[in-house]
């Protein structure tokens, strides 16, 4: 067991060794290249761009 699992969190809860999960999906090489290029042009990571796009999509689709 790792040290991080044994250390209490600020609120007294134990931290999980894995705090993130993978999200896997397939895109074409061209879509990946375009996505990465756009992220670089915006000065952000692909993960940050994906998260921003998801938040914008949720806002747009609110009823």
Protein backbone atom coordinates (compact mmCIF):
# COMPACT_ATOMS: atom_id res chain seq x y z
CA UNK A 1 0.00 0.00 0.00
CA UNK A 2 1.36 3.43 -0.90
CA UNK A 3 2.08 6.16 1.62
CA UNK A 4 -0.58 8.43 0.13
CA UNK A 5 -3.34 5.93 0.97
CA UNK A 6 -2.34 5.90 4.62
CA UNK A 7 -2.24 9.66 5.05
CA UNK A 8 -5.46 11.34 6.15
CA UNK A 9 -6.81 14.11 3.96
CA UNK A 10 -7.41 17.57 5.44
CA UNK A 11 -10.98 16.54 6.23
CA UNK A 12 -9.87 13.30 7.85
CA UNK A 13 -10.58 11.13 4.80
CA UNK A 14 -7.91 8.87 3.34
CA UNK A 15 -6.69 9.75 -0.14
CA UNK A 16 -6.96 7.20 -2.90
CA UNK A 17 -3.73 6.32 -4.68
CA UNK A 18 -5.56 6.89 -7.97
CA UNK A 19 -7.49 10.16 -8.09
CA UNK A 20 -8.04 10.23 -11.84
CA UNK A 21 -9.49 7.80 -14.34
CA UNK A 22 -8.75 7.24 -18.02
CA UNK A 23 -11.21 8.13 -20.75
CA UNK A 24 -10.44 6.30 -23.98
CA UNK A 25 -11.97 6.78 -27.41
CA UNK A 26 -10.83 6.55 -31.02
CA UNK A 27 -10.47 9.43 -33.48
CA UNK A 28 -8.86 9.55 -36.89
CA UNK A 29 -5.22 10.63 -37.12
CA UNK A 30 -6.38 13.83 -38.85
CA UNK A 31 -8.85 14.65 -36.05
CA UNK A 32 -6.13 14.08 -33.46
CA UNK A 33 -3.68 16.27 -35.36
CA UNK A 34 -6.27 19.04 -35.76
CA UNK A 35 -7.26 18.85 -32.07
CA UNK A 36 -3.63 18.93 -30.89
CA UNK A 37 -2.75 21.79 -33.25
CA UNK A 38 -5.73 23.82 -32.06
CA UNK A 39 -4.82 23.20 -28.41
CA UNK A 40 -1.23 24.32 -29.05
CA UNK A 41 -2.41 27.43 -30.89
CA UNK A 42 -4.58 28.28 -27.87
CA UNK A 43 -1.70 27.69 -25.45
CA UNK A 44 -3.44 24.86 -23.66
CA UNK A 45 -3.18 21.12 -23.24
CA UNK A 46 -5.44 18.72 -25.08
CA UNK A 47 -6.95 17.74 -21.72
CA UNK A 48 -7.71 21.37 -20.85
CA UNK A 49 -9.31 21.86 -24.28
CA UNK A 50 -11.42 18.72 -23.87
CA UNK A 51 -12.60 19.81 -20.41
CA UNK A 52 -13.40 23.33 -21.63
CA UNK A 53 -15.31 21.96 -24.62
CA UNK A 54 -17.30 19.63 -22.37
CA UNK A 55 -18.25 22.49 -20.03
CA UNK A 56 -19.31 24.66 -22.99
CA UNK A 57 -21.37 21.80 -24.43
CA UNK A 58 -23.15 21.25 -21.11
CA UNK A 59 -23.98 24.96 -20.88
CA UNK A 60 -25.28 25.05 -24.45
CA UNK A 61 -27.52 22.02 -23.91
CA UNK A 62 -29.14 23.17 -20.64
CA UNK A 63 -32.92 23.27 -20.79
